[in-house]
């Protein structure tokens, strides 16, 4: 096919300026002409170039994420906002400022604030910087688990909302996400749970910053079963930037330790059937599926897989 574009033109997808020599749009990833083939399916024409790794993809290997083209491995892994990808979230202004400075020293262009974003083209470099920082934190600070008190309400609310949206926003509507968050993470609801003697919250912290949390229920505080011989792990959530850093395992170990001290016969939990990462994690820790139940998120009825571990 003859490409008769002018020397300068606008991308038909995002209207950004492009040059005749460009094979794809640097702003959205749309492919110009048919000169690129998919990096995996070499007989298929590429429909977009991942703006994170710059790999051309066919429509089986990638797609749009908020008007930016990403390959499947990166699609859903990062929250995209106007061409910027979120690479880190902190509840500590001091930690966020330190990370921002480190990213700038590496020649990158991060945003300011507790949620740190970089241009999609800088994500891989940013992850290298964050990986180095994480190694330093692991060596000098480690992961600490502490019980949450009523005085921690704001921090608890922040980590609940942030991890909830990181985990589920890509697969649920904005309205359902907002409704669930408003109902379950309000001051009133969290205060009632924090003052319930049958519920316990724990923070996981790294370098003094909250990076994950656990909610454990006993007796009548359990969302189902309400077996006095059981303990329920209602939630274990970790900031995406700390996935794979052993934080979730530390929280799970804490939950099992508390359940054993309480002389519970077993621990159970419910995990969304569309969350394979969590299912694999709990199976790795010895939990087995035993039933299903319905979980309502906003107006959406979803199926949770119920899992149990005998102690």
Protein backbone atom coordinates (compact mmCIF):
# COMPACT_ATOMS: atom_id res chain seq x y z
CA UNK A 1 0.00 0.00 0.00
CA UNK A 2 1.35 3.43 -0.91
CA UNK A 3 1.64 5.79 2.02
CA UNK A 4 0.94 9.29 0.69
CA UNK A 5 0.80 11.16 4.01
CA UNK A 6 2.06 14.77 4.09
CA UNK A 7 5.40 15.53 5.73
CA UNK A 8 3.49 16.57 8.87
CA UNK A 9 0.02 15.36 9.75
CA UNK A 10 -2.28 14.59 12.69
CA UNK A 11 -2.91 11.12 14.10
CA UNK A 12 -6.47 10.08 13.22
CA UNK A 13 -6.86 8.41 16.63
CA UNK A 14 -5.68 11.13 19.06
CA UNK A 15 -5.08 14.11 16.76
CA UNK A 16 -1.44 14.47 17.88
CA UNK A 17 1.14 15.82 15.46
CA UNK A 18 3.26 13.24 13.64
CA UNK A 19 5.98 13.16 10.97
CA UNK A 20 5.98 11.34 7.65
CA UNK A 21 8.89 9.20 8.92
CA UNK A 22 6.92 7.98 11.96
CA UNK A 23 5.60 4.43 11.81
CA UNK A 24 3.35 4.92 14.84
CA UNK A 25 1.95 7.71 16.99
CA UNK A 26 4.24 8.54 19.90
CA UNK A 27 1.26 9.78 21.90
CA UNK A 28 -1.27 6.94 21.59
CA UNK A 29 0.57 4.05 19.87
CA UNK A 30 -1.63 3.83 16.76
CA UNK A 31 0.18 2.39 13.72
CA UNK A 32 0.49 4.41 10.53
CA UNK A 33 0.26 2.37 7.33
CA UNK A 34 1.02 -1.35 7.23
CA UNK A 35 4.81 -1.44 7.60
CA UNK A 36 4.82 -3.03 11.08
CA UNK A 37 4.04 -6.63 11.97
CA UNK A 38 3.14 -8.11 15.35
CA UNK A 39 6.12 -9.08 17.51
CA UNK A 40 4.46 -12.43 18.35
CA UNK A 41 2.41 -13.20 15.23
CA UNK A 42 4.80 -12.21 12.47
CA UNK A 43 2.26 -12.83 9.70
CA UNK A 44 -0.23 -10.41 11.25
CA UNK A 45 -0.15 -6.67 10.75
CA UNK A 46 0.37 -4.60 13.88
CA UNK A 47 -2.52 -2.36 14.89
CA UNK A 48 -0.63 -0.59 17.66
CA UNK A 49 2.72 -0.22 19.40
CA UNK A 50 2.90 -0.61 23.19
CA UNK A 51 4.04 2.75 24.51
CA UNK A 52 5.77 1.06 27.45
CA UNK A 53 7.93 -1.56 25.74
CA UNK A 54 7.57 -0.32 22.11
CA UNK A 55 6.57 -3.76 20.81
CA UNK A 56 4.21 -3.74 17.79
CA UNK A 57 1.10 -5.85 18.41
CA UNK A 58 -1.81 -7.26 16.48
CA UNK A 59 -5.30 -7.05 17.92
CA UNK A 60 -4.75 -10.39 19.69
CA UNK A 61 -1.68 -9.18 21.58
CA UNK A 62 -2.65 -5.71 22.76
CA UNK A 63 -5.30 -3.03 22.97
CA UNK A 64 -6.25 0.45 24.11
CA UNK A 65 -6.06 1.37 27.79
CA UNK A 66 -7.60 4.80 28.25
CA UNK A 67 -6.62 5.92 24.72
CA UNK A 68 -3.08 4.53 24.94
CA UNK A 69 -2.08 1.29 23.20
CA UNK A 70 -0.44 -1.34 25.44
CA UNK A 71 0.63 -4.94 24.91
CA UNK A 72 -1.19 -7.63 26.91
CA UNK A 73 1.56 -8.03 29.55
CA UNK A 74 1.33 -4.32 30.36
CA UNK A 75 -2.39 -3.81 29.79
CA UNK A 76 -4.14 -3.79 33.17
CA UNK A 77 -0.85 -3.72 35.07
CA UNK A 78 -0.68 0.05 35.08
CA UNK A 79 -3.32 2.72 35.59
CA UNK A 80 -3.08 5.19 32.68
CA UNK A 81 -3.98 8.87 32.97
CA UNK A 82 -3.57 11.07 29.89
CA UNK A 83 -0.56 9.18 28.61
CA UNK A 84 1.02 8.81 32.05
CA UNK A 85 1.33 5.51 33.93
CA UNK A 86 1.10 5.20 37.70
CA UNK A 87 4.21 3.43 38.99
CA UNK A 88 4.03 4.08 42.72
CA UNK A 89 1.57 5.06 45.47
CA UNK A 90 2.61 6.06 48.97
CA UNK A 91 0.80 7.11 52.11
CA UNK A 92 3.92 8.98 53.25
CA UNK A 93 4.67 12.42 51.75
CA UNK A 94 8.32 12.05 52.78
CA UNK A 95 8.70 8.72 51.00
CA UNK A 96 6.87 10.00 47.90
CA UNK A 97 9.12 13.05 47.71
CA UNK A 98 12.23 10.89 48.05
CA UNK A 99 11.10 8.59 45.23
CA UNK A 100 10.24 11.55 43.02
CA UNK A 101 13.73 12.99 43.54
CA UNK A 102 15.34 9.63 42.71
CA UNK A 103 13.32 9.33 39.51
CA UNK A 104 14.25 12.86 38.46
CA UNK A 105 17.93 12.16 39.16
CA UNK A 106 17.60 9.22 36.75
CA UNK A 107 16.48 11.66 34.04
CA UNK A 108 12.79 10.76 34.23
CA UNK A 109 9.76 13.02 34.45
CA UNK A 110 7.57 11.94 37.40
CA UNK A 111 4.56 13.82 38.72
CA UNK A 112 4.57 15.28 42.22
CA UNK A 113 2.37 13.90 45.02
CA UNK A 114 1.51 10.63 46.75
CA UNK A 115 0.57 8.98 43.44
CA UNK A 116 3.61 9.02 41.19
CA UNK A 117 3.16 8.80 37.43
CA UNK A 118 5.67 8.87 34.60
CA UNK A 119 5.23 9.03 30.82
CA UNK A 120 4.48 5.56 29.44
CA UNK A 121 7.79 5.55 27.58
CA UNK A 122 9.63 5.89 30.92
CA UNK A 123 7.86 3.09 32.82
CA UNK A 124 10.56 0.45 32.37
CA UNK A 125 13.31 2.81 33.51
CA UNK A 126 11.18 3.90 36.47
CA UNK A 127 10.66 0.27 37.49
CA UNK A 128 14.42 -0.25 37.50
CA UNK A 129 14.86 2.73 39.83
CA UNK A 130 12.03 1.53 42.07
CA UNK A 131 13.47 -1.98 42.12
CA UNK A 132 16.79 -0.63 43.37
CA UNK A 133 15.05 1.43 46.03
CA UNK A 134 12.97 -1.57 47.09
CA UNK A 135 16.12 -3.65 47.55
CA UNK A 136 17.54 -0.89 49.74
CA UNK A 137 14.33 -0.75 51.83
CA UNK A 138 14.26 -4.52 52.24
CA UNK A 139 17.85 -4.51 53.45
CA UNK A 140 17.56 -1.54 55.81
CA UNK A 141 13.97 -1.57 57.00
CA UNK A 142 12.23 -4.82 56.16
CA UNK A 143 8.50 -5.44 56.48
CA UNK A 144 6.82 -4.70 59.79
CA UNK A 145 3.31 -5.73 60.84
CA UNK A 146 1.40 -3.71 63.42
CA UNK A 147 -2.17 -3.66 64.69
CA UNK A 148 -4.39 -0.85 63.43
CA UNK A 149 -6.07 1.39 66.01
CA UNK A 150 -8.86 3.93 65.75
CA UNK A 151 -6.23 6.65 65.53
CA UNK A 152 -5.13 5.12 62.22
CA UNK A 153 -8.54 5.63 60.60
CA UNK A 154 -7.35 7.94 57.82
CA UNK A 155 -4.38 5.74 56.89
CA UNK A 156 -6.66 2.70 56.90
CA UNK A 157 -9.18 4.46 54.70
CA UNK A 158 -6.45 5.48 52.25
CA UNK A 159 -4.90 2.01 51.92
CA UNK A 160 -8.35 0.39 51.63
CA UNK A 161 -9.42 2.66 48.80
CA UNK A 162 -6.11 2.66 46.96
CA UNK A 163 -5.63 -1.11 46.93
CA UNK A 164 -9.31 -1.71 46.12
CA UNK A 165 -9.13 0.48 43.01
CA UNK A 166 -5.73 -0.92 41.98
CA UNK A 167 -7.10 -4.46 42.19
CA UNK A 168 -10.57 -4.14 40.68
CA UNK A 169 -10.96 -0.91 38.68
CA UNK A 170 -9.91 -2.47 35.36
CA UNK A 171 -12.69 -5.09 35.51
CA UNK A 172 -15.59 -3.14 37.03
CA UNK A 173 -17.54 0.01 36.19
CA UNK A 174 -16.60 3.32 37.74
CA UNK A 175 -20.07 3.63 39.29
CA UNK A 176 -19.93 0.21 40.95
CA UNK A 177 -16.41 0.89 42.24
CA UNK A 178 -17.48 4.23 43.72
CA UNK A 179 -20.62 2.80 45.32
CA UNK A 180 -18.75 -0.05 46.98
CA UNK A 181 -15.97 2.25 48.20
CA UNK A 182 -18.43 4.79 49.61
CA UNK A 183 -20.37 2.08 51.45
CA UNK A 184 -17.48 0.02 52.81
CA UNK A 185 -14.69 2.52 53.42
CA UNK A 186 -16.67 5.34 55.01
CA UNK A 187 -15.68 6.78 58.39
CA UNK A 188 -18.72 5.20 60.00
CA UNK A 189 -18.19 1.71 58.58
CA UNK A 190 -14.47 1.53 59.34
CA UNK A 191 -14.96 2.99 62.83
CA UNK A 192 -17.57 0.33 63.60
CA UNK A 193 -15.21 -2.39 62.37
CA UNK A 194 -12.21 -1.04 64.27
CA UNK A 195 -14.21 -0.98 67.51
CA UNK A 196 -15.71 -4.45 66.98
CA UNK A 197 -13.90 -6.83 69.38
CA UNK A 198 -14.36 -9.68 66.90
CA UNK A 199 -12.49 -7.90 64.06
CA UNK A 200 -8.81 -7.02 63.79
CA UNK A 201 -6.91 -4.92 61.24
CA UNK A 202 -3.16 -5.02 60.69
CA UNK A 203 -0.90 -2.77 58.61
CA UNK A 204 2.16 -3.95 56.71
CA UNK A 205 4.71 -1.15 56.63
CA UNK A 206 8.01 -0.65 54.83
CA UNK A 207 10.21 2.19 55.99
CA UNK A 208 7.32 3.48 58.09
CA UNK A 209 4.93 3.69 55.12
CA UNK A 210 1.77 1.59 54.95
CA UNK A 211 1.99 -0.72 51.91
CA UNK A 212 -0.72 -3.28 52.69
CA UNK A 213 -3.26 -4.44 55.25
CA UNK A 214 -5.09 -7.44 56.67
CA UNK A 215 -8.62 -7.73 58.06
CA UNK A 216 -9.33 -10.77 60.23
CA UNK A 217 -12.77 -11.71 61.64
CA UNK A 218 -13.89 -14.04 64.41
CA UNK A 219 -17.28 -15.21 65.71
CA UNK A 220 -20.21 -12.97 64.65
CA UNK A 221 -17.98 -10.54 62.74
CA UNK A 222 -17.45 -13.17 60.02
CA UNK A 223 -19.21 -12.27 56.78
CA UNK A 224 -20.52 -15.85 56.46
CA UNK A 225 -20.37 -19.18 58.32
CA UNK A 226 -20.00 -17.41 61.72
CA UNK A 227 -18.48 -20.56 63.14
CA UNK A 228 -16.94 -19.98 66.58
CA UNK A 229 -14.28 -22.55 65.65
CA UNK A 230 -13.19 -20.55 62.59
CA UNK A 231 -11.37 -17.36 61.63
CA UNK A 232 -12.05 -15.44 58.40
CA UNK A 233 -9.47 -13.57 56.37
CA UNK A 234 -11.79 -10.97 54.91
CA UNK A 235 -9.07 -8.95 53.19
CA UNK A 236 -5.38 -9.02 52.38
CA UNK A 237 -4.44 -6.23 50.01
CA UNK A 238 -1.04 -4.87 49.04
CA UNK A 239 -0.09 -1.83 46.96
CA UNK A 240 0.67 -2.91 43.40
CA UNK A 241 4.19 -1.49 43.63
CA UNK A 242 4.90 -4.00 46.42
CA UNK A 243 3.49 -7.09 44.72
CA UNK A 244 6.07 -9.86 44.70
CA UNK A 245 7.90 -8.30 47.67
CA UNK A 246 6.68 -10.83 50.27
CA UNK A 247 4.27 -8.33 51.87
CA UNK A 248 1.16 -10.43 51.19
CA UNK A 249 2.92 -13.50 52.58
CA UNK A 250 3.82 -11.67 55.78
CA UNK A 251 0.18 -10.63 56.24
CA UNK A 252 -1.06 -14.15 55.54
CA UNK A 253 1.43 -15.61 58.02
CA UNK A 254 0.26 -13.07 60.60
CA UNK A 255 -3.37 -14.08 60.07
CA UNK A 256 -2.61 -17.78 60.44
CA UNK A 257 -0.54 -17.15 63.55
CA UNK A 258 -3.35 -15.19 65.22
CA UNK A 259 -5.89 -17.86 64.27
CA UNK A 260 -3.73 -20.57 65.83
CA UNK A 261 -3.31 -18.52 69.02
CA UNK A 262 -7.10 -18.16 69.14
CA UNK A 263 -7.40 -21.99 68.90
CA UNK A 264 -9.35 -21.76 65.63
CA UNK A 265 -9.84 -25.09 63.87
CA UNK A 266 -9.65 -23.58 60.41
CA UNK A 267 -9.31 -20.34 58.46
CA UNK A 268 -11.55 -19.51 55.52
CA UNK A 269 -11.90 -16.72 52.98
CA UNK A 270 -13.67 -15.70 49.79
CA UNK A 271 -11.81 -14.63 46.64
CA UNK A 272 -13.30 -13.34 43.39
CA UNK A 273 -13.26 -15.96 40.65
CA UNK A 274 -11.80 -13.34 38.28
CA UNK A 275 -8.75 -12.77 40.49
CA UNK A 276 -6.42 -15.66 39.52
CA UNK A 277 -3.40 -14.05 41.18
CA UNK A 278 -5.09 -14.19 44.58
CA UNK A 279 -6.39 -17.72 44.01
CA UNK A 280 -2.87 -18.93 43.20
CA UNK A 281 -1.51 -17.17 46.28
CA UNK A 282 -3.95 -18.86 48.65
CA UNK A 283 -3.54 -22.27 47.05
CA UNK A 284 0.21 -21.86 47.50
CA UNK A 285 -0.48 -21.35 51.22
CA UNK A 286 -2.50 -24.55 51.49
CA UNK A 287 -6.06 -23.24 51.08
CA UNK A 288 -8.50 -25.47 49.19
CA UNK A 289 -11.76 -24.56 47.47
CA UNK A 290 -14.88 -25.80 49.24
CA UNK A 291 -17.82 -23.70 48.01
CA UNK A 292 -18.88 -20.50 46.24
CA UNK A 293 -20.97 -17.52 47.30
CA UNK A 294 -22.31 -14.35 45.73
CA UNK A 295 -20.61 -11.03 46.35
CA UNK A 296 -22.28 -7.74 45.43
CA UNK A 297 -20.11 -4.93 44.10
CA UNK A 298 -22.38 -1.94 43.51
CA UNK A 299 -25.11 -3.36 41.30
CA UNK A 300 -23.05 -6.30 40.05
CA UNK A 301 -23.51 -9.81 41.45
CA UNK A 302 -20.17 -11.63 41.34
CA UNK A 303 -19.07 -15.13 42.31
CA UNK A 304 -16.50 -15.63 45.06
CA UNK A 305 -14.66 -18.90 45.50
CA UNK A 306 -14.64 -19.92 49.16
CA UNK A 307 -11.39 -21.47 50.36
CA UNK A 308 -10.43 -23.14 53.62
CA UNK A 309 -7.26 -24.14 55.46
CA UNK A 310 -7.45 -26.63 58.32
CA UNK A 311 -5.15 -25.70 61.20
